[in-house]
Amino acid sequence: MSRFYFNIHDDICTLDLEGSELPDLQAARAYAVTGARSLAADNVLRGDLTLSHRVDILDEAHQIVDAVSFGDAVRIAP
């Protein structure tokens, strides 16, 4: 298991100081997608959504290894 950190970049920057133990980067990305969807839904309930807002995934050394934008996490249909 590795520790990953998930920093949120929306209207403010929220740093994840605790991190989460996950088996690998694929699991960390799935975790970030779920979080981004939840945050996007909260934004929609407030009446707005910025698709470029994102969740950065950092490894144990606090290096960014991936990122999930709100636009990547949702499908918008006409």
N, C-alpha and C. Protein backbone atom coordinates (compact mmCIF):
# COMPACT_ATOMS: atom_id res chain seq x y z
N MET A 1 0.84 -1.18 0.00
CA MET A 1 0.00 0.00 0.00
C MET A 1 0.88 1.24 0.00
N SER A 2 0.43 2.24 -0.70
CA SER A 2 1.14 3.51 -0.77
C SER A 2 0.23 4.61 -0.26
N ARG A 3 0.83 5.68 0.21
CA ARG A 3 0.05 6.83 0.66
C ARG A 3 0.01 7.84 -0.49
N PHE A 4 -1.22 8.27 -0.81
CA PHE A 4 -1.45 9.29 -1.82
C PHE A 4 -2.15 10.47 -1.16
N TYR A 5 -1.89 11.65 -1.71
CA TYR A 5 -2.49 12.88 -1.22
C TYR A 5 -3.32 13.48 -2.34
N PHE A 6 -4.42 14.13 -1.96
CA PHE A 6 -5.38 14.65 -2.94
C PHE A 6 -5.64 16.12 -2.65
N ASN A 7 -4.93 16.98 -3.38
CA ASN A 7 -5.09 18.42 -3.20
C ASN A 7 -6.18 18.92 -4.14
N ILE A 8 -7.11 19.68 -3.58
CA ILE A 8 -8.25 20.19 -4.34
C ILE A 8 -7.96 21.61 -4.78
N HIS A 9 -8.16 21.85 -6.06
CA HIS A 9 -7.99 23.20 -6.63
C HIS A 9 -9.32 23.61 -7.25
N ASP A 10 -10.12 24.32 -6.46
CA ASP A 10 -11.35 24.89 -7.01
C ASP A 10 -11.25 26.39 -6.77
N ASP A 11 -12.22 27.02 -6.19
CA ASP A 11 -12.09 28.46 -5.94
C ASP A 11 -11.01 28.76 -4.91
N ILE A 12 -10.66 27.76 -4.12
CA ILE A 12 -9.54 27.86 -3.18
C ILE A 12 -8.71 26.59 -3.32
N CYS A 13 -7.53 26.58 -2.75
CA CYS A 13 -6.68 25.40 -2.78
C CYS A 13 -6.74 24.74 -1.40
N THR A 14 -7.16 23.49 -1.37
CA THR A 14 -7.24 22.74 -0.13
C THR A 14 -6.22 21.60 -0.19
N LEU A 15 -5.25 21.65 0.72
CA LEU A 15 -4.20 20.63 0.74
C LEU A 15 -4.61 19.46 1.62
N ASP A 16 -4.37 18.27 1.15
CA ASP A 16 -4.61 17.04 1.90
C ASP A 16 -3.37 16.75 2.73
N LEU A 17 -3.45 16.94 4.02
CA LEU A 17 -2.30 16.75 4.90
C LEU A 17 -2.18 15.33 5.44
N GLU A 18 -3.27 14.55 5.37
CA GLU A 18 -3.26 13.19 5.91
C GLU A 18 -2.98 12.13 4.85
N GLY A 19 -3.56 12.30 3.68
CA GLY A 19 -3.41 11.30 2.64
C GLY A 19 -4.27 10.07 2.90
N SER A 20 -4.24 9.15 1.95
CA SER A 20 -4.99 7.90 2.03
C SER A 20 -4.12 6.76 1.55
N GLU A 21 -4.21 5.64 2.23
CA GLU A 21 -3.48 4.44 1.84
C GLU A 21 -4.27 3.72 0.76
N LEU A 22 -3.65 3.56 -0.41
CA LEU A 22 -4.30 2.89 -1.53
C LEU A 22 -3.29 1.97 -2.20
N PRO A 23 -3.76 0.92 -2.90
CA PRO A 23 -2.84 -0.06 -3.45
C PRO A 23 -1.93 0.46 -4.55
N ASP A 24 -2.44 1.38 -5.40
CA ASP A 24 -1.63 1.83 -6.53
C ASP A 24 -2.22 3.11 -7.12
N LEU A 25 -1.57 3.62 -8.16
CA LEU A 25 -2.01 4.86 -8.79
C LEU A 25 -3.39 4.71 -9.42
N GLN A 26 -3.68 3.55 -9.97
CA GLN A 26 -5.01 3.33 -10.56
C GLN A 26 -6.10 3.49 -9.51
N ALA A 27 -5.90 2.95 -8.33
CA ALA A 27 -6.86 3.09 -7.24
C ALA A 27 -6.93 4.55 -6.78
N ALA A 28 -5.78 5.22 -6.76
CA ALA A 28 -5.76 6.63 -6.36
C ALA A 28 -6.53 7.47 -7.37
N ARG A 29 -6.40 7.17 -8.65
CA ARG A 29 -7.14 7.93 -9.67
C ARG A 29 -8.64 7.70 -9.51
N ALA A 30 -9.06 6.46 -9.27
CA ALA A 30 -10.48 6.16 -9.06
C ALA A 30 -11.01 6.93 -7.84
N TYR A 31 -10.20 6.99 -6.79
CA TYR A 31 -10.56 7.74 -5.58
C TYR A 31 -10.73 9.23 -5.91
N ALA A 32 -9.81 9.77 -6.71
CA ALA A 32 -9.86 11.18 -7.09
C ALA A 32 -11.07 11.46 -7.99
N VAL A 33 -11.40 10.56 -8.88
CA VAL A 33 -12.58 10.73 -9.74
C VAL A 33 -13.84 10.79 -8.88
N THR A 34 -13.97 9.90 -7.92
CA THR A 34 -15.13 9.91 -7.03
C THR A 34 -15.20 11.24 -6.27
N GLY A 35 -14.07 11.69 -5.76
CA GLY A 35 -14.04 12.97 -5.04
C GLY A 35 -14.39 14.14 -5.94
N ALA A 36 -13.85 14.16 -7.15
CA ALA A 36 -14.14 15.23 -8.09
C ALA A 36 -15.62 15.25 -8.46
N ARG A 37 -16.22 14.10 -8.62
CA ARG A 37 -17.66 14.03 -8.92
C ARG A 37 -18.48 14.59 -7.77
N SER A 38 -18.10 14.25 -6.57
CA SER A 38 -18.82 14.76 -5.40
C SER A 38 -18.69 16.28 -5.30
N LEU A 39 -17.49 16.78 -5.50
CA LEU A 39 -17.27 18.23 -5.45
C LEU A 39 -18.02 18.94 -6.59
N ALA A 40 -18.00 18.34 -7.78
CA ALA A 40 -18.72 18.93 -8.91
C ALA A 40 -20.21 18.99 -8.61
N ALA A 41 -20.75 17.92 -8.02
CA ALA A 41 -22.17 17.90 -7.67
C ALA A 41 -22.50 19.00 -6.66
N ASP A 42 -21.64 19.19 -5.68
CA ASP A 42 -21.84 20.27 -4.71
C ASP A 42 -21.86 21.62 -5.40
N ASN A 43 -20.96 21.80 -6.38
CA ASN A 43 -20.92 23.06 -7.13
C ASN A 43 -22.21 23.27 -7.91
N VAL A 44 -22.70 22.22 -8.55
CA VAL A 44 -23.94 22.33 -9.32
C VAL A 44 -25.09 22.71 -8.41
N LEU A 45 -25.14 22.15 -7.21
CA LEU A 45 -26.20 22.50 -6.27
C LEU A 45 -26.15 23.98 -5.88
N ARG A 46 -24.95 24.56 -5.94
CA ARG A 46 -24.82 25.99 -5.66
C ARG A 46 -25.08 26.83 -6.90
N GLY A 47 -25.25 26.17 -8.05
CA GLY A 47 -25.61 26.87 -9.26
C GLY A 47 -24.48 27.14 -10.23
N ASP A 48 -23.32 26.55 -9.99
CA ASP A 48 -22.21 26.75 -10.93
C ASP A 48 -21.35 25.51 -11.01
N LEU A 49 -20.57 25.44 -12.07
CA LEU A 49 -19.63 24.34 -12.23
C LEU A 49 -18.49 24.82 -13.12
N THR A 50 -17.28 24.71 -12.62
CA THR A 50 -16.10 25.08 -13.40
C THR A 50 -15.37 23.78 -13.74
N LEU A 51 -15.41 23.41 -15.01
CA LEU A 51 -14.86 22.12 -15.43
C LEU A 51 -13.36 22.03 -15.27
N SER A 52 -12.67 23.16 -15.19
CA SER A 52 -11.21 23.12 -15.05
C SER A 52 -10.75 22.96 -13.59
N HIS A 53 -11.67 23.07 -12.64
CA HIS A 53 -11.28 22.77 -11.25
C HIS A 53 -10.79 21.34 -11.22
N ARG A 54 -9.90 21.03 -10.27
CA ARG A 54 -9.28 19.71 -10.32
C ARG A 54 -8.86 19.18 -8.95
N VAL A 55 -8.55 17.90 -8.95
CA VAL A 55 -7.95 17.22 -7.81
C VAL A 55 -6.59 16.72 -8.28
N ASP A 56 -5.52 17.22 -7.66
CA ASP A 56 -4.17 16.73 -7.96
C ASP A 56 -3.89 15.52 -7.09
N ILE A 57 -3.28 14.50 -7.67
CA ILE A 57 -2.89 13.30 -6.94
C ILE A 57 -1.39 13.37 -6.72
N LEU A 58 -0.96 13.30 -5.46
CA LEU A 58 0.45 13.36 -5.11
C LEU A 58 0.88 12.04 -4.49
N ASP A 59 2.12 11.66 -4.74
CA ASP A 59 2.66 10.43 -4.16
C ASP A 59 3.22 10.70 -2.76
N GLU A 60 3.86 9.70 -2.18
CA GLU A 60 4.39 9.82 -0.81
C GLU A 60 5.44 10.92 -0.68
N ALA A 61 6.10 11.26 -1.78
CA ALA A 61 7.10 12.32 -1.77
C ALA A 61 6.48 13.69 -2.06
N HIS A 62 5.14 13.72 -2.12
CA HIS A 62 4.37 14.94 -2.40
C HIS A 62 4.66 15.50 -3.79
N GLN A 63 4.93 14.59 -4.75
CA GLN A 63 5.10 14.96 -6.14
C GLN A 63 3.79 14.64 -6.88
N ILE A 64 3.36 15.56 -7.74
CA ILE A 64 2.13 15.33 -8.50
C ILE A 64 2.37 14.20 -9.49
N VAL A 65 1.52 13.18 -9.42
CA VAL A 65 1.65 12.04 -10.32
C VAL A 65 0.47 11.94 -11.30
N ASP A 66 -0.60 12.68 -11.02
CA ASP A 66 -1.76 12.68 -11.90
C ASP A 66 -2.69 13.79 -11.44
N ALA A 67 -3.68 14.10 -12.24
CA ALA A 67 -4.69 15.09 -11.87
C ALA A 67 -6.00 14.71 -12.54
N VAL A 68 -7.10 15.03 -11.86
CA VAL A 68 -8.43 14.77 -12.40
C VAL A 68 -9.21 16.08 -12.35
N SER A 69 -9.53 16.62 -13.53
CA SER A 69 -10.36 17.82 -13.56
C SER A 69 -11.82 17.43 -13.38
N PHE A 70 -12.62 18.39 -12.96
CA PHE A 70 -14.05 18.10 -12.83
C PHE A 70 -14.60 17.68 -14.18
N GLY A 71 -14.09 18.30 -15.26
CA GLY A 71 -14.54 17.95 -16.60
C GLY A 71 -14.19 16.52 -16.99
N ASP A 72 -13.06 16.01 -16.47
CA ASP A 72 -12.67 14.62 -16.72
C ASP A 72 -13.55 13.63 -15.95
N ALA A 73 -14.11 14.11 -14.84
CA ALA A 73 -14.82 13.21 -13.92
C ALA A 73 -16.30 13.05 -14.25
N VAL A 74 -16.82 13.94 -15.09
CA VAL A 74 -18.26 13.88 -15.40
C VAL A 74 -18.44 13.86 -16.91
N ARG A 75 -19.57 13.36 -17.32
CA ARG A 75 -19.97 13.40 -18.73
C ARG A 75 -21.13 14.36 -18.82
N ILE A 76 -21.02 15.33 -19.70
CA ILE A 76 -22.09 16.31 -19.87
C ILE A 76 -22.78 16.02 -21.19
N ALA A 77 -24.05 15.72 -21.11
CA ALA A 77 -24.83 15.38 -22.30
C ALA A 77 -25.75 16.55 -22.63
N PRO A 78 -26.04 16.73 -23.90
CA PRO A 78 -26.95 17.83 -24.29
C PRO A 78 -28.37 17.60 -23.81
